[in-house]
Amino acid sequence: MGGKTPIDTLDFSSHTFNTPEKLELSLNSFIDNISKEYSINLPDNDLYVDKFSELIKRIYEKFNEQVVILVDEYDLPIIDNLSNKEVLEENKEVLRSFYRVLKN
């Protein structure tokens, strides 16, 4: 394969993230859906960061192309919780870990 850049979109606008657990579930769901779309079997691992990193690696290997992840409403899990400092801080940590995979 090659020549077609794999592009996937993570859209935060259609979910609510009033707990970090809901945010993590949403991220896991995104990863699972993308892995199914590309027929990639990921190891059973509940840690979304490890799964996401493995998914990107396997998509790259499958297509021999850089993977593009578009993130829509990337800060919504934070903005929606400005009045709840505890959830805001926990969601920031979840997102920080998730986005760190994209930076590598």
PDB file of N, CA and C in Angstrom:
ATOM      1  N   MET A   1       0.847  -1.180   0.000  1.00  0.00           N
ATOM      2  CA  MET A   1       0.000   0.000   0.000  1.00  0.00           C
ATOM      3  C   MET A   1       0.884   1.231   0.000  1.00  0.00           C
ATOM      4  N   GLY A   2       0.311   2.345   0.040  1.00  0.00           N
ATOM      5  CA  GLY A   2       1.050   3.593   0.038  1.00  0.00           C
ATOM      6  C   GLY A   2       0.356   4.564  -0.889  1.00  0.00           C
ATOM      7  N   GLY A   3       0.619   5.823  -0.690  1.00  0.00           N
ATOM      8  CA  GLY A   3       0.041   6.832  -1.548  1.00  0.00           C
ATOM      9  C   GLY A   3      -1.241   7.440  -1.034  1.00  0.00           C
ATOM     10  N   LYS A   4      -1.889   6.818  -0.085  1.00  0.00           N
ATOM     11  CA  LYS A   4      -3.117   7.375   0.469  1.00  0.00           C
ATOM     12  C   LYS A   4      -2.924   7.606   1.969  1.00  0.00           C
ATOM     13  N   THR A   5      -2.917   8.839   2.365  1.00  0.00           N
ATOM     14  CA  THR A   5      -2.704   9.187   3.765  1.00  0.00           C
ATOM     15  C   THR A   5      -3.941   8.843   4.584  1.00  0.00           C
ATOM     16  N   PRO A   6      -3.790   8.011   5.616  1.00  0.00           N
ATOM     17  CA  PRO A   6      -4.928   7.704   6.479  1.00  0.00           C
ATOM     18  C   PRO A   6      -5.272   8.912   7.360  1.00  0.00           C
ATOM     19  N   ILE A   7      -6.520   9.351   7.268  1.00  0.00           N
ATOM     20  CA  ILE A   7      -6.982  10.510   8.031  1.00  0.00           C
ATOM     21  C   ILE A   7      -8.181  10.084   8.875  1.00  0.00           C
ATOM     22  N   ASP A   8      -8.137  10.398  10.153  1.00  0.00           N
ATOM     23  CA  ASP A   8      -9.226  10.076  11.065  1.00  0.00           C
ATOM     24  C   ASP A   8      -9.567  11.301  11.895  1.00  0.00           C
ATOM     25  N   THR A   9     -10.845  11.393  12.277  1.00  0.00           N
ATOM     26  CA  THR A   9     -11.312  12.554  13.027  1.00  0.00           C
ATOM     27  C   THR A   9     -11.846  12.140  14.377  1.00  0.00           C
ATOM     28  N   LEU A  10     -11.389  12.835  15.384  1.00  0.00           N
ATOM     29  CA  LEU A  10     -11.907  12.689  16.739  1.00  0.00           C
ATOM     30  C   LEU A  10     -12.715  13.951  17.030  1.00  0.00           C
ATOM     31  N   ASP A  11     -14.020  13.783  17.192  1.00  0.00           N
ATOM     32  CA  ASP A  11     -14.917  14.928  17.398  1.00  0.00           C
ATOM     33  C   ASP A  11     -15.465  14.900  18.813  1.00  0.00           C
ATOM     34  N   PHE A  12     -15.033  15.847  19.618  1.00  0.00           N
ATOM     35  CA  PHE A  12     -15.494  15.926  21.007  1.00  0.00           C
ATOM     36  C   PHE A  12     -16.851  16.610  21.143  1.00  0.00           C
ATOM     37  N   SER A  13     -17.354  17.207  20.086  1.00  0.00           N
ATOM     38  CA  SER A  13     -18.563  18.024  20.201  1.00  0.00           C
ATOM     39  C   SER A  13     -19.834  17.230  20.476  1.00  0.00           C
ATOM     40  N   SER A  14     -19.825  15.952  20.196  1.00  0.00           N
ATOM     41  CA  SER A  14     -21.059  15.179  20.348  1.00  0.00           C
ATOM     42  C   SER A  14     -21.122  14.390  21.656  1.00  0.00           C
ATOM     43  N   HIS A  15     -20.240  14.676  22.599  1.00  0.00           N
ATOM     44  CA  HIS A  15     -20.217  13.940  23.862  1.00  0.00           C
ATOM     45  C   HIS A  15     -20.220  14.907  25.045  1.00  0.00           C
ATOM     46  N   THR A  16     -20.546  14.354  26.194  1.00  0.00           N
ATOM     47  CA  THR A  16     -20.396  15.117  27.435  1.00  0.00           C
ATOM     48  C   THR A  16     -19.289  14.459  28.253  1.00  0.00           C
ATOM     49  N   PHE A  17     -18.544  15.277  28.935  1.00  0.00           N
ATOM     50  CA  PHE A  17     -17.379  14.794  29.665  1.00  0.00           C
ATOM     51  C   PHE A  17     -17.382  15.328  31.093  1.00  0.00           C
ATOM     52  N   ASN A  18     -18.441  15.034  31.808  1.00  0.00           N
ATOM     53  CA  ASN A  18     -18.550  15.547  33.168  1.00  0.00           C
ATOM     54  C   ASN A  18     -17.819  14.677  34.191  1.00  0.00           C
ATOM     55  N   THR A  19     -17.150  13.641  33.701  1.00  0.00           N
ATOM     56  CA  THR A  19     -16.239  12.857  34.547  1.00  0.00           C
ATOM     57  C   THR A  19     -15.053  12.435  33.689  1.00  0.00           C
ATOM     58  N   PRO A  20     -13.905  12.240  34.298  1.00  0.00           N
ATOM     59  CA  PRO A  20     -12.755  11.764  33.530  1.00  0.00           C
ATOM     60  C   PRO A  20     -12.985  10.349  32.997  1.00  0.00           C
ATOM     61  N   GLU A  21     -13.789   9.574  33.694  1.00  0.00           N
ATOM     62  CA  GLU A  21     -14.092   8.221  33.242  1.00  0.00           C
ATOM     63  C   GLU A  21     -14.853   8.248  31.910  1.00  0.00           C
ATOM     64  N   LYS A  22     -15.781   9.185  31.778  1.00  0.00           N
ATOM     65  CA  LYS A  22     -16.514   9.321  30.513  1.00  0.00           C
ATOM     66  C   LYS A  22     -15.574   9.753  29.391  1.00  0.00           C
ATOM     67  N   LEU A  23     -14.648  10.609  29.704  1.00  0.00           N
ATOM     68  CA  LEU A  23     -13.665  11.037  28.712  1.00  0.00           C
ATOM     69  C   LEU A  23     -12.813   9.849  28.273  1.00  0.00           C
ATOM     70  N   GLU A  24     -12.343   9.071  29.217  1.00  0.00           N
ATOM     71  CA  GLU A  24     -11.533   7.900  28.894  1.00  0.00           C
ATOM     72  C   GLU A  24     -12.326   6.887  28.078  1.00  0.00           C
ATOM     73  N   LEU A  25     -13.591   6.672  28.429  1.00  0.00           N
ATOM     74  CA  LEU A  25     -14.447   5.765  27.659  1.00  0.00           C
ATOM     75  C   LEU A  25     -14.612   6.255  26.226  1.00  0.00           C
ATOM     76  N   SER A  26     -14.780   7.547  26.068  1.00  0.00           N
ATOM     77  CA  SER A  26     -14.923   8.128  24.739  1.00  0.00           C
ATOM     78  C   SER A  26     -13.642   7.949  23.918  1.00  0.00           C
ATOM     79  N   LEU A  27     -12.509   8.155  24.532  1.00  0.00           N
ATOM     80  CA  LEU A  27     -11.234   7.982  23.832  1.00  0.00           C
ATOM     81  C   LEU A  27     -11.025   6.519  23.448  1.00  0.00           C
ATOM     82  N   ASN A  28     -11.361   5.627  24.358  1.00  0.00           N
ATOM     83  CA  ASN A  28     -11.260   4.198  24.054  1.00  0.00           C
ATOM     84  C   ASN A  28     -12.180   3.816  22.910  1.00  0.00           C
ATOM     85  N   SER A  29     -13.374   4.362  22.907  1.00  0.00           N
ATOM     86  CA  SER A  29     -14.330   4.082  21.840  1.00  0.00           C
ATOM     87  C   SER A  29     -13.798   4.576  20.492  1.00  0.00           C
ATOM     88  N   PHE A  30     -13.237   5.775  20.469  1.00  0.00           N
ATOM     89  CA  PHE A  30     -12.633   6.315  19.259  1.00  0.00           C
ATOM     90  C   PHE A  30     -11.551   5.368  18.741  1.00  0.00           C
ATOM     91  N   ILE A  31     -10.678   4.932  19.615  1.00  0.00           N
ATOM     92  CA  ILE A  31      -9.584   4.044  19.237  1.00  0.00           C
ATOM     93  C   ILE A  31     -10.129   2.717  18.711  1.00  0.00           C
ATOM     94  N   ASP A  32     -11.103   2.151  19.411  1.00  0.00           N
ATOM     95  CA  ASP A  32     -11.685   0.878  18.990  1.00  0.00           C
ATOM     96  C   ASP A  32     -12.369   0.994  17.635  1.00  0.00           C
ATOM     97  N   ASN A  33     -13.104   2.084  17.418  1.00  0.00           N
ATOM     98  CA  ASN A  33     -13.789   2.278  16.130  1.00  0.00           C
ATOM     99  C   ASN A  33     -12.807   2.422  14.977  1.00  0.00           C
ATOM    100  N   ILE A  34     -11.739   3.153  15.192  1.00  0.00           N
ATOM    101  CA  ILE A  34     -10.739   3.331  14.145  1.00  0.00           C
ATOM    102  C   ILE A  34     -10.027   2.005  13.870  1.00  0.00           C
ATOM    103  N   SER A  35      -9.726   1.258  14.911  1.00  0.00           N
ATOM    104  CA  SER A  35      -9.052  -0.032  14.693  1.00  0.00           C
ATOM    105  C   SER A  35      -9.947  -0.976  13.888  1.00  0.00           C
ATOM    106  N   LYS A  36     -11.250  -0.957  14.142  1.00  0.00           N
ATOM    107  CA  LYS A  36     -12.178  -1.785  13.359  1.00  0.00           C
ATOM    108  C   LYS A  36     -12.235  -1.314  11.912  1.00  0.00           C
ATOM    109  N   GLU A  37     -12.257   0.000  11.731  1.00  0.00           N
ATOM    110  CA  GLU A  37     -12.312   0.566  10.374  1.00  0.00           C
ATOM    111  C   GLU A  37     -11.142   0.083   9.519  1.00  0.00           C
ATOM    112  N   TYR A  38      -9.973  -0.042  10.124  1.00  0.00           N
ATOM    113  CA  TYR A  38      -8.780  -0.468   9.399  1.00  0.00           C
ATOM    114  C   TYR A  38      -8.491  -1.958   9.568  1.00  0.00           C
ATOM    115  N   SER A  39      -9.403  -2.689  10.193  1.00  0.00           N
ATOM    116  CA  SER A  39      -9.232  -4.136  10.434  1.00  0.00           C
ATOM    117  C   SER A  39      -7.926  -4.419  11.165  1.00  0.00           C
ATOM    118  N   ILE A  40      -7.704  -3.662  12.215  1.00  0.00           N
ATOM    119  CA  ILE A  40      -6.509  -3.825  13.037  1.00  0.00           C
ATOM    120  C   ILE A  40      -6.940  -4.357  14.401  1.00  0.00           C
ATOM    121  N   ASN A  41      -6.357  -5.487  14.773  1.00  0.00           N
ATOM    122  CA  ASN A  41      -6.638  -6.054  16.090  1.00  0.00           C
ATOM    123  C   ASN A  41      -5.602  -5.531  17.074  1.00  0.00           C
ATOM    124  N   LEU A  42      -6.091  -4.848  18.073  1.00  0.00           N
ATOM    125  CA  LEU A  42      -5.197  -4.323  19.108  1.00  0.00           C
ATOM    126  C   LEU A  42      -5.161  -5.284  20.283  1.00  0.00           C
ATOM    127  N   PRO A  43      -4.040  -5.333  20.993  1.00  0.00           N
ATOM    128  CA  PRO A  43      -3.985  -6.179  22.185  1.00  0.00           C
ATOM    129  C   PRO A  43      -4.999  -5.689  23.221  1.00  0.00           C
ATOM    130  N   ASP A  44      -5.525  -6.611  23.982  1.00  0.00           N
ATOM    131  CA  ASP A  44      -6.448  -6.226  25.053  1.00  0.00           C
ATOM    132  C   ASP A  44      -5.697  -5.390  26.068  1.00  0.00           C
ATOM    133  N   ASN A  45      -6.039  -4.134  26.103  1.00  0.00           N
ATOM    134  CA  ASN A  45      -5.386  -3.213  27.015  1.00  0.00           C
ATOM    135  C   ASN A  45      -6.373  -2.097  27.302  1.00  0.00           C
ATOM    136  N   ASP A  46      -6.677  -1.898  28.549  1.00  0.00           N
ATOM    137  CA  ASP A  46      -7.643  -0.871  28.916  1.00  0.00           C
ATOM    138  C   ASP A  46      -7.047   0.527  28.892  1.00  0.00           C
ATOM    139  N   LEU A  47      -5.742   0.613  28.861  1.00  0.00           N
ATOM    140  CA  LEU A  47      -5.099   1.920  28.920  1.00  0.00           C
ATOM    141  C   LEU A  47      -5.139   2.573  27.539  1.00  0.00           C
ATOM    142  N   TYR A  48      -5.968   3.585  27.401  1.00  0.00           N
ATOM    143  CA  TYR A  48      -6.200   4.230  26.113  1.00  0.00           C
ATOM    144  C   TYR A  48      -4.926   4.792  25.486  1.00  0.00           C
ATOM    145  N   VAL A  49      -3.990   5.244  26.289  1.00  0.00           N
ATOM    146  CA  VAL A  49      -2.758   5.825  25.746  1.00  0.00           C
ATOM    147  C   VAL A  49      -1.946   4.753  25.018  1.00  0.00           C
ATOM    148  N   ASP A  50      -1.801   3.583  25.633  1.00  0.00           N
ATOM    149  CA  ASP A  50      -1.058   2.500  24.992  1.00  0.00           C
ATOM    150  C   ASP A  50      -1.772   2.021  23.731  1.00  0.00           C
ATOM    151  N   LYS A  51      -3.089   1.913  23.808  1.00  0.00           N
ATOM    152  CA  LYS A  51      -3.864   1.484  22.642  1.00  0.00           C
ATOM    153  C   LYS A  51      -3.734   2.488  21.500  1.00  0.00           C
ATOM    154  N   PHE A  52      -3.796   3.766  21.819  1.00  0.00           N
ATOM    155  CA  PHE A  52      -3.714   4.803  20.801  1.00  0.00           C
ATOM    156  C   PHE A  52      -2.350   4.785  20.121  1.00  0.00           C
ATOM    157  N   SER A  53      -1.322   4.674  20.891  1.00  0.00           N
ATOM    158  CA  SER A  53       0.030   4.618  20.346  1.00  0.00           C
ATOM    159  C   SER A  53       0.187   3.399  19.433  1.00  0.00           C
ATOM    160  N   GLU A  54      -0.292   2.268  19.868  1.00  0.00           N
ATOM    161  CA  GLU A  54      -0.216   1.043  19.064  1.00  0.00           C
ATOM    162  C   GLU A  54      -1.045   1.169  17.787  1.00  0.00           C
ATOM    163  N   LEU A  55      -2.208   1.773  17.886  1.00  0.00           N
ATOM    164  CA  LEU A  55      -3.063   1.968  16.716  1.00  0.00           C
ATOM    165  C   LEU A  55      -2.358   2.811  15.658  1.00  0.00           C
ATOM    166  N   ILE A  56      -1.792   3.918  16.056  1.00  0.00           N
ATOM    167  CA  ILE A  56      -1.090   4.791  15.112  1.00  0.00           C
ATOM    168  C   ILE A  56       0.074   4.045  14.456  1.00  0.00           C
ATOM    169  N   LYS A  57       0.816   3.313  15.250  1.00  0.00           N
ATOM    170  CA  LYS A  57       1.950   2.538  14.736  1.00  0.00           C
ATOM    171  C   LYS A  57       1.475   1.525  13.687  1.00  0.00           C
ATOM    172  N   ARG A  58       0.397   0.823  13.982  1.00  0.00           N
ATOM    173  CA  ARG A  58      -0.083  -0.213  13.062  1.00  0.00           C
ATOM    174  C   ARG A  58      -0.708   0.379  11.796  1.00  0.00           C
ATOM    175  N   ILE A  59      -1.376   1.508  11.914  1.00  0.00           N
ATOM    176  CA  ILE A  59      -1.907   2.159  10.713  1.00  0.00           C
ATOM    177  C   ILE A  59      -0.745   2.607   9.829  1.00  0.00           C
ATOM    178  N   TYR A  60       0.273   3.161  10.442  1.00  0.00           N
ATOM    179  CA  TYR A  60       1.452   3.577   9.683  1.00  0.00           C
ATOM    180  C   TYR A  60       2.076   2.384   8.953  1.00  0.00           C
ATOM    181  N   GLU A  61       2.224   1.262   9.662  1.00  0.00           N
ATOM    182  CA  GLU A  61       2.812   0.071   9.055  1.00  0.00           C
ATOM    183  C   GLU A  61       1.937  -0.460   7.922  1.00  0.00           C
ATOM    184  N   LYS A  62       0.638  -0.388   8.084  1.00  0.00           N
ATOM    185  CA  LYS A  62      -0.284  -0.908   7.070  1.00  0.00           C
ATOM    186  C   LYS A  62      -0.247  -0.097   5.783  1.00  0.00           C
ATOM    187  N   PHE A  63      -0.173   1.236   5.916  1.00  0.00           N
ATOM    188  CA  PHE A  63      -0.244   2.109   4.748  1.00  0.00           C
ATOM    189  C   PHE A  63       1.108   2.666   4.317  1.00  0.00           C
ATOM    190  N   ASN A  64       2.108   2.515   5.171  1.00  0.00           N
ATOM    191  CA  ASN A  64       3.418   3.101   4.924  1.00  0.00           C
ATOM    192  C   ASN A  64       3.300   4.598   4.647  1.00  0.00           C
ATOM    193  N   GLU A  65       2.413   5.232   5.387  1.00  0.00           N
ATOM    194  CA  GLU A  65       2.156   6.672   5.282  1.00  0.00           C
ATOM    195  C   GLU A  65       1.973   7.236   6.694  1.00  0.00           C
ATOM    196  N   GLN A  66       2.308   8.508   6.861  1.00  0.00           N
ATOM    197  CA  GLN A  66       2.036   9.171   8.133  1.00  0.00           C
ATOM    198  C   GLN A  66       0.530   9.179   8.385  1.00  0.00           C
ATOM    199  N   VAL A  67       0.153   9.091   9.629  1.00  0.00           N
ATOM    200  CA  VAL A  67      -1.253   9.076  10.028  1.00  0.00           C
ATOM    201  C   VAL A  67      -1.653  10.489  10.446  1.00  0.00           C
ATOM    202  N   VAL A  68      -2.809  10.931   9.971  1.00  0.00           N
ATOM    203  CA  VAL A  68      -3.321  12.248  10.330  1.00  0.00           C
ATOM    204  C   VAL A  68      -4.533  12.054  11.237  1.00  0.00           C
ATOM    205  N   ILE A  69      -4.497  12.695  12.395  1.00  0.00           N
ATOM    206  CA  ILE A  69      -5.626  12.679  13.320  1.00  0.00           C
ATOM    207  C   ILE A  69      -6.118  14.112  13.448  1.00  0.00           C
ATOM    208  N   LEU A  70      -7.342  14.360  12.988  1.00  0.00           N
ATOM    209  CA  LEU A  70      -7.966  15.673  13.135  1.00  0.00           C
ATOM    210  C   LEU A  70      -8.778  15.650  14.428  1.00  0.00           C
ATOM    211  N   VAL A  71      -8.594  16.655  15.253  1.00  0.00           N
ATOM    212  CA  VAL A  71      -9.300  16.721  16.528  1.00  0.00           C
ATOM    213  C   VAL A  71     -10.187  17.956  16.521  1.00  0.00           C
ATOM    214  N   ASP A  72     -11.495  17.713  16.560  1.00  0.00           N
ATOM    215  CA  ASP A  72     -12.474  18.795  16.554  1.00  0.00           C
ATOM    216  C   ASP A  72     -12.954  19.041  17.981  1.00  0.00           C
ATOM    217  N   GLU A  73     -13.020  20.325  18.355  1.00  0.00           N
ATOM    218  CA  GLU A  73     -13.443  20.712  19.712  1.00  0.00           C
ATOM    219  C   GLU A  73     -12.507  20.085  20.754  1.00  0.00           C
ATOM    220  N   TYR A  74     -11.214  20.145  20.483  1.00  0.00           N
ATOM    221  CA  TYR A  74     -10.194  19.499  21.311  1.00  0.00           C
ATOM    222  C   TYR A  74     -10.226  19.913  22.781  1.00  0.00           C
ATOM    223  N   ASP A  75     -10.713  21.110  23.076  1.00  0.00           N
ATOM    224  CA  ASP A  75     -10.686  21.606  24.458  1.00  0.00           C
ATOM    225  C   ASP A  75     -12.050  21.519  25.150  1.00  0.00           C
ATOM    226  N   LEU A  76     -13.036  20.951  24.519  1.00  0.00           N
ATOM    227  CA  LEU A  76     -14.377  20.880  25.094  1.00  0.00           C
ATOM    228  C   LEU A  76     -14.424  20.146  26.437  1.00  0.00           C
ATOM    229  N   PRO A  77     -13.686  19.047  26.631  1.00  0.00           N
ATOM    230  CA  PRO A  77     -13.716  18.393  27.939  1.00  0.00           C
ATOM    231  C   PRO A  77     -13.193  19.277  29.078  1.00  0.00           C
ATOM    232  N   ILE A  78     -12.467  20.314  28.733  1.00  0.00           N
ATOM    233  CA  ILE A  78     -11.983  21.260  29.741  1.00  0.00           C
ATOM    234  C   ILE A  78     -12.976  22.407  29.893  1.00  0.00           C
ATOM    235  N   ILE A  79     -13.343  23.001  28.784  1.00  0.00           N
ATOM    236  CA  ILE A  79     -14.248  24.159  28.807  1.00  0.00           C
ATOM    237  C   ILE A  79     -15.589  23.830  29.457  1.00  0.00           C
ATOM    238  N   ASP A  80     -16.109  22.657  29.179  1.00  0.00           N
ATOM    239  CA  ASP A  80     -17.395  22.263  29.752  1.00  0.00           C
ATOM    240  C   ASP A  80     -17.351  22.050  31.262  1.00  0.00           C
ATOM    241  N   ASN A  81     -16.154  22.040  31.825  1.00  0.00           N
ATOM    242  CA  ASN A  81     -16.025  21.791  33.262  1.00  0.00           C
ATOM    243  C   ASN A  81     -15.320  22.924  33.998  1.00  0.00           C
ATOM    244  N   LEU A  82     -15.396  24.117  33.466  1.00  0.00           N
ATOM    245  CA  LEU A  82     -14.740  25.248  34.116  1.00  0.00           C
ATOM    246  C   LEU A  82     -15.275  25.506  35.522  1.00  0.00           C
ATOM    247  N   SER A  83     -16.507  25.158  35.757  1.00  0.00           N
ATOM    248  CA  SER A  83     -17.087  25.393  37.088  1.00  0.00           C
ATOM    249  C   SER A  83     -16.814  24.245  38.062  1.00  0.00           C
ATOM    250  N   ASN A  84     -16.240  23.168  37.563  1.00  0.00           N
ATOM    251  CA  ASN A  84     -15.923  22.032  38.422  1.00  0.00           C
ATOM    252  C   ASN A  84     -14.416  21.767  38.332  1.00  0.00           C
ATOM    253  N   LYS A  85     -13.682  22.386  39.227  1.00  0.00           N
ATOM    254  CA  LYS A  85     -12.215  22.354  39.186  1.00  0.00           C
ATOM    255  C   LYS A  85     -11.644  20.936  39.233  1.00  0.00           C
ATOM    256  N   GLU A  86     -12.259  20.084  40.033  1.00  0.00           N
ATOM    257  CA  GLU A  86     -11.738  18.722  40.178  1.00  0.00           C
ATOM    258  C   GLU A  86     -11.820  17.970  38.839  1.00  0.00           C
ATOM    259  N   VAL A  87     -12.976  17.995  38.204  1.00  0.00           N
ATOM    260  CA  VAL A  87     -13.142  17.329  36.912  1.00  0.00           C
ATOM    261  C   VAL A  87     -12.281  18.010  35.860  1.00  0.00           C
ATOM    262  N   LEU A  88     -12.236  19.313  35.887  1.00  0.00           N
ATOM    263  CA  LEU A  88     -11.407  20.053  34.938  1.00  0.00           C
ATOM    264  C   LEU A  88      -9.959  19.584  34.999  1.00  0.00           C
ATOM    265  N   GLU A  89      -9.401  19.496  36.183  1.00  0.00           N
ATOM    266  CA  GLU A  89      -8.003  19.086  36.345  1.00  0.00           C
ATOM    267  C   GLU A  89      -7.791  17.637  35.925  1.00  0.00           C
ATOM    268  N   GLU A  90      -8.728  16.777  36.269  1.00  0.00           N
ATOM    269  CA  GLU A  90      -8.603  15.370  35.894  1.00  0.00           C
ATOM    270  C   GLU A  90      -8.726  15.198  34.378  1.00  0.00           C
ATOM    271  N   ASN A  91      -9.642  15.925  33.760  1.00  0.00           N
ATOM    272  CA  ASN A  91      -9.779  15.859  32.305  1.00  0.00           C
ATOM    273  C   ASN A  91      -8.534  16.403  31.608  1.00  0.00           C
ATOM    274  N   LYS A  92      -7.943  17.434  32.185  1.00  0.00           N
ATOM    275  CA  LYS A  92      -6.702  17.966  31.614  1.00  0.00           C
ATOM    276  C   LYS A  92      -5.615  16.897  31.597  1.00  0.00           C
ATOM    277  N   GLU A  93      -5.527  16.129  32.659  1.00  0.00           N
ATOM    278  CA  GLU A  93      -4.517  15.075  32.735  1.00  0.00           C
ATOM    279  C   GLU A  93      -4.785  13.971  31.716  1.00  0.00           C
ATOM    280  N   VAL A  94      -6.039  13.605  31.557  1.00  0.00           N
ATOM    281  CA  VAL A  94      -6.408  12.591  30.566  1.00  0.00           C
ATOM    282  C   VAL A  94      -6.023  13.077  29.173  1.00  0.00           C
ATOM    283  N   LEU A  95      -6.393  14.296  28.853  1.00  0.00           N
ATOM    284  CA  LEU A  95      -6.081  14.852  27.531  1.00  0.00           C
ATOM    285  C   LEU A  95      -4.587  15.026  27.324  1.00  0.00           C
ATOM    286  N   ARG A  96      -3.895  15.440  28.348  1.00  0.00           N
ATOM    287  CA  ARG A  96      -2.443  15.617  28.247  1.00  0.00           C
ATOM    288  C   ARG A  96      -1.788  14.289  27.856  1.00  0.00           C
ATOM    289  N   SER A  97      -2.200  13.216  28.497  1.00  0.00           N
ATOM    290  CA  SER A  97      -1.653  11.896  28.171  1.00  0.00           C
ATOM    291  C   SER A  97      -2.015  11.480  26.754  1.00  0.00           C
ATOM    292  N   PHE A  98      -3.256  11.723  26.382  1.00  0.00           N
ATOM    293  CA  PHE A  98      -3.727  11.346  25.054  1.00  0.00           C
ATOM    294  C   PHE A  98      -3.003  12.131  23.960  1.00  0.00           C
ATOM    295  N   TYR A  99      -2.920  13.437  24.122  1.00  0.00           N
ATOM    296  CA  TYR A  99      -2.280  14.282  23.116  1.00  0.00           C
ATOM    297  C   TYR A  99      -0.773  14.040  23.044  1.00  0.00           C
ATOM    298  N   ARG A 100      -0.180  13.595  24.127  1.00  0.00           N
ATOM    299  CA  ARG A 100       1.253  13.318  24.133  1.00  0.00           C
ATOM    300  C   ARG A 100       1.601  12.266  23.081  1.00  0.00           C
ATOM    301  N   VAL A 101       0.695  11.311  22.859  1.00  0.00           N
ATOM    302  CA  VAL A 101       0.913  10.297  21.830  1.00  0.00           C
ATOM    303  C   VAL A 101       1.036  10.950  20.459  1.00  0.00           C
ATOM    304  N   LEU A 102       0.257  11.981  20.219  1.00  0.00           N
ATOM    305  CA  LEU A 102       0.285  12.662  18.925  1.00  0.00           C
ATOM    306  C   LEU A 102       1.571  13.452  18.715  1.00  0.00           C
ATOM    307  N   LYS A 103       2.203  13.860  19.787  1.00  0.00           N
ATOM    308  CA  LYS A 103       3.412  14.667  19.685  1.00  0.00           C
ATOM    309  C   LYS A 103       4.635  13.834  19.359  1.00  0.00           C
ATOM    310  N   ASN A 104       4.567  12.538  19.613  1.00  0.00           N
ATOM    311  CA  ASN A 104       5.748  11.665  19.409  1.00  0.00           C
ATOM    312  C   ASN A 104       5.892  11.216  17.989  1.00  0.00           C
TER     313      ASN A 104
END
